[in-house]
Amino acid sequence: ANYGPNPVCKGCLSCSKDNGCIRCQHKLFFFLRREGMRQYGECLHSCPSGYYGLRTPDMNRCSRCRIENCDSCFSRDFCTKCKTGFYSHRGRCFRGCPTGFAALEDLMECVEGCEVGQWSEWGTCSRNNKTCGFKWGLETRTRQIVKKPAKDTIPCPTIAESRRCKMAMRHCPGGKWRRPAKTKDKKKKKKNLMERAQKQHSIFLATDKTSQ
């Protein structure tokens, strides 16, 4: 029987004009639909989004997924598909994948990512394979890949990094110390200026005597 615009009694074993289905036929799921202040029962072949089918000896029912941001679930505590913008991971829904897991954008799932070990200590400060003879150098530290990712398309984080460092010994032991080129250039420029000034002064004195 139909009551109003909706076939509320389709698939029912018992039905009420005001409340819709009360009991469903075998294999169908009872779903209590709410529209504003009104609610009525329906008998469905599959449960709507946000619900899963719970089979019981008494009557099959559509039960609500209890997992936040879940679109469809296998049971009340295990989500099989998350809402748009959320990643599925072990039956839960996340905005971003947990640490150690990488996102598969096409499936919106989190899979095991690349796992790396702890950073080593910073290495010796060096430059051009030397640990002396310069004021500044570079020191490097590394870490190992402990577990490769489930898919080759998932990148691993960096396993080596370097930073600027100050050398412990600027001058190598036993080596002849040489003044930096910049200092030589400065002294040379100063000497040239002095010679030029003296020359100009001599010309000035000679000119002054001639004028007298």
Protein backbone atom coordinates (compact mmCIF):
# COMPACT_ATOMS: atom_id res chain seq x y z
CA ALA A 1 0.00 0.00 0.00
CA ASN A 2 1.09 3.58 -0.66
CA TYR A 3 0.46 6.42 1.75
CA GLY A 4 1.04 9.87 0.28
CA PRO A 5 3.87 10.60 -2.20
CA ASN A 6 6.28 7.98 -0.75
CA PRO A 7 5.79 4.20 -1.03
CA VAL A 8 6.49 3.83 2.70
CA CYS A 9 5.18 0.29 2.91
CA LYS A 10 7.23 -1.23 0.09
CA GLY A 11 8.93 -4.44 1.29
CA CYS A 12 7.16 -4.35 4.67
CA LEU A 13 5.72 -7.30 6.57
CA SER A 14 3.72 -4.86 8.67
CA CYS A 15 3.14 -1.17 8.04
CA SER A 16 1.49 1.87 9.57
CA LYS A 17 0.12 4.88 7.70
CA ASP A 18 1.76 7.26 10.17
CA ASN A 19 5.00 5.39 10.98
CA GLY A 20 5.67 3.51 7.74
CA CYS A 21 7.27 0.05 7.95
CA ILE A 22 7.32 -1.64 11.32
CA ARG A 23 8.76 -5.00 10.17
CA CYS A 24 10.60 -5.84 6.96
CA GLN A 25 10.66 -8.82 4.66
CA HIS A 26 13.52 -11.30 4.88
CA LYS A 27 16.96 -9.99 3.68
CA LEU A 28 15.83 -6.34 3.70
CA PHE A 29 17.14 -3.82 6.24
CA PHE A 30 14.90 -1.73 8.44
CA PHE A 31 15.86 1.95 8.32
CA LEU A 32 14.26 4.65 10.44
CA ARG A 33 14.27 7.80 8.32
CA ARG A 34 13.93 11.19 9.98
CA GLU A 35 12.61 14.28 8.20
CA GLY A 36 12.31 17.23 10.52
CA MET A 37 9.97 16.26 13.34
CA ARG A 38 8.62 13.28 11.43
CA GLN A 39 10.14 9.80 11.29
CA TYR A 40 9.02 6.65 9.51
CA GLY A 41 10.36 3.18 8.81
CA GLU A 42 11.61 1.94 5.44
CA CYS A 43 12.75 -1.45 4.18
CA LEU A 44 15.89 -1.22 2.02
CA HIS A 45 18.16 -3.62 0.12
CA SER A 46 21.23 -1.62 1.31
CA CYS A 47 21.70 1.00 3.98
CA PRO A 48 22.27 4.69 3.11
CA SER A 49 25.48 6.68 3.57
CA GLY A 50 26.66 6.80 7.17
CA TYR A 51 24.98 3.49 8.07
CA TYR A 52 25.85 -0.19 7.84
CA GLY A 53 23.67 -3.31 7.68
CA LEU A 54 23.39 -5.19 10.98
CA ARG A 55 21.85 -8.64 10.67
CA THR A 56 20.11 -10.09 13.71
CA PRO A 57 17.79 -13.08 14.25
CA ASP A 58 14.94 -10.70 15.05
CA MET A 59 15.24 -8.25 12.15
CA ASN A 60 17.97 -6.76 9.98
CA ARG A 61 18.58 -3.08 10.74
CA CYS A 62 20.54 -0.11 9.45
CA SER A 63 22.80 1.01 12.24
CA ARG A 64 24.67 4.34 12.26
CA CYS A 65 28.44 4.42 11.81
CA ARG A 66 30.01 5.66 15.04
CA ILE A 67 33.25 6.80 13.38
CA GLU A 68 33.67 10.53 12.85
CA ASN A 69 33.69 11.73 9.20
CA CYS A 70 32.80 8.25 7.90
CA ASP A 71 30.68 7.88 4.76
CA SER A 72 30.21 4.09 4.86
CA CYS A 73 31.36 1.46 7.33
CA PHE A 74 31.70 -2.30 7.74
CA SER A 75 30.71 -2.18 11.40
CA ARG A 76 30.06 0.59 13.89
CA ASP A 77 33.78 0.87 14.66
CA PHE A 78 35.36 0.22 11.23
CA CYS A 79 34.99 2.71 8.37
CA THR A 80 35.41 1.50 4.77
CA LYS A 81 34.99 4.89 3.06
CA CYS A 82 35.57 8.33 4.52
CA LYS A 83 33.84 11.57 3.63
CA THR A 84 35.38 13.81 0.95
CA GLY A 85 38.68 15.34 2.08
CA PHE A 86 39.48 12.64 4.66
CA TYR A 87 41.95 9.75 4.43
CA SER A 88 41.03 6.21 5.46
CA HIS A 89 43.43 4.45 7.82
CA ARG A 90 42.74 1.27 9.76
CA GLY A 91 39.01 1.89 9.88
CA ARG A 92 39.31 5.56 10.89
CA CYS A 93 39.21 8.87 9.02
CA PHE A 94 41.95 11.50 9.18
CA ARG A 95 42.58 14.94 7.67
CA GLY A 96 46.24 13.93 7.31
CA CYS A 97 47.96 10.57 7.61
CA PRO A 98 49.59 9.64 10.95
CA THR A 99 53.37 9.72 11.38
CA GLY A 100 55.09 6.94 9.43
CA PHE A 101 52.31 6.68 6.84
CA ALA A 102 51.94 8.29 3.43
CA ALA A 103 48.80 9.41 1.60
CA LEU A 104 47.61 7.80 -1.64
CA GLU A 105 45.67 10.66 -3.20
CA ASP A 106 43.88 8.52 -5.80
CA LEU A 107 42.42 6.18 -3.17
CA MET A 108 42.41 8.64 -0.24
CA GLU A 109 44.09 6.01 1.94
CA CYS A 110 47.10 5.99 4.24
CA VAL A 111 49.74 3.34 3.58
CA GLU A 112 53.03 2.54 5.26
CA GLY A 113 55.57 5.16 4.28
CA CYS A 114 59.35 5.30 4.35
CA GLU A 115 60.71 4.78 7.85
CA VAL A 116 64.09 6.28 8.73
CA GLY A 117 66.31 5.94 11.79
CA GLN A 118 67.72 8.55 14.15
CA TRP A 119 70.20 11.18 13.00
CA SER A 120 73.87 10.44 13.59
CA GLU A 121 76.14 12.90 15.40
CA TRP A 122 77.46 15.79 13.35
CA GLY A 123 80.69 14.86 11.53
CA THR A 124 84.04 16.68 11.58
CA CYS A 125 84.10 20.21 10.23
CA SER A 126 86.04 20.15 6.94
CA ARG A 127 86.55 21.91 3.63
CA ASN A 128 88.11 20.45 0.50
CA ASN A 129 88.74 17.26 2.52
CA LYS A 130 90.84 19.25 5.03
CA THR A 131 90.11 19.88 8.69
CA CYS A 132 92.39 22.92 8.95
CA GLY A 133 93.62 25.84 6.89
CA PHE A 134 90.23 27.57 6.62
CA LYS A 135 88.06 29.57 8.97
CA TRP A 136 84.73 28.01 7.85
CA GLY A 137 83.77 24.57 6.61
CA LEU A 138 80.84 22.13 6.50
CA GLU A 139 79.78 19.34 8.84
CA THR A 140 77.35 16.57 7.85
CA ARG A 141 75.07 14.10 9.60
CA THR A 142 73.17 11.12 8.17
CA ARG A 143 70.42 8.60 8.97
CA GLN A 144 69.54 5.21 7.51
CA ILE A 145 66.37 3.97 5.79
CA VAL A 146 64.95 1.41 8.22
CA LYS A 147 61.94 0.40 6.14
CA LYS A 148 61.23 1.08 2.48
CA PRO A 149 57.77 2.45 1.54
CA ALA A 150 54.99 0.19 0.33
CA LYS A 151 55.06 1.87 -3.09
CA ASP A 152 58.02 3.24 -5.03
CA THR A 153 56.07 6.42 -5.74
CA ILE A 154 56.24 7.40 -2.06
CA PRO A 155 59.42 9.43 -1.44
CA CYS A 156 61.65 9.00 1.60
CA PRO A 157 62.64 11.99 3.73
CA THR A 158 66.19 13.34 3.40
CA ILE A 159 68.85 11.03 4.83
CA ALA A 160 71.74 13.52 4.85
CA GLU A 161 72.07 17.20 5.69
CA SER A 162 74.96 19.65 6.11
CA ARG A 163 75.49 22.95 7.89
CA ARG A 164 78.18 25.63 8.07
CA CYS A 165 80.70 25.28 10.87
CA LYS A 166 83.78 27.01 12.23
CA MET A 167 86.99 25.00 12.03
CA ALA A 168 88.77 24.13 15.27
CA MET A 169 92.17 24.92 13.69
CA ARG A 170 92.38 27.71 11.18
CA HIS A 171 96.09 27.08 10.53
CA CYS A 172 97.39 23.58 9.85
CA PRO A 173 100.16 22.35 12.21
CA GLY A 174 103.66 22.55 10.62
CA GLY A 175 102.34 24.51 7.67
CA LYS A 176 103.81 27.86 6.67
CA TRP A 177 101.44 30.62 7.50
CA ARG A 178 100.63 32.94 4.67
CA ARG A 179 98.97 36.27 4.89
CA PRO A 180 95.62 36.23 3.13
CA ALA A 181 95.57 37.74 -0.34
CA LYS A 182 93.12 40.43 0.74
CA THR A 183 95.60 41.78 3.32
CA LYS A 184 98.36 41.83 0.68
CA ASP A 185 96.12 43.74 -1.69
CA LYS A 186 95.26 46.30 0.97
CA LYS A 187 98.96 46.92 1.82
CA LYS A 188 99.85 47.17 -1.86
CA LYS A 189 97.11 49.71 -2.47
CA LYS A 190 98.22 51.73 0.55
CA LYS A 191 101.85 51.72 -0.66
CA ASN A 192 100.80 52.87 -4.14
CA LEU A 193 98.74 55.68 -2.67
CA MET A 194 101.68 56.81 -0.54
CA GLU A 195 104.05 56.79 -3.53
CA ARG A 196 101.54 58.69 -5.64
CA ALA A 197 101.05 61.28 -2.91
CA GLN A 198 104.80 61.78 -2.50
CA LYS A 199 105.21 62.17 -6.27
CA GLN A 200 102.44 64.76 -6.46
CA HIS A 201 103.96 66.62 -3.51
CA SER A 202 107.39 66.72 -5.26
CA ILE A 203 105.81 68.10 -8.44
CA PHE A 204 103.99 70.72 -6.41
CA LEU A 205 107.25 71.86 -4.73
CA ALA A 206 109.10 72.03 -8.09
CA THR A 207 106.30 74.08 -9.65
CA ASP A 208 106.22 76.42 -6.68
CA LYS A 209 109.98 77.12 -6.92
CA THR A 210 109.72 77.82 -10.66
CA SER A 211 106.93 80.31 -10.12
CA GLN A 212 109.05 82.19 -7.62
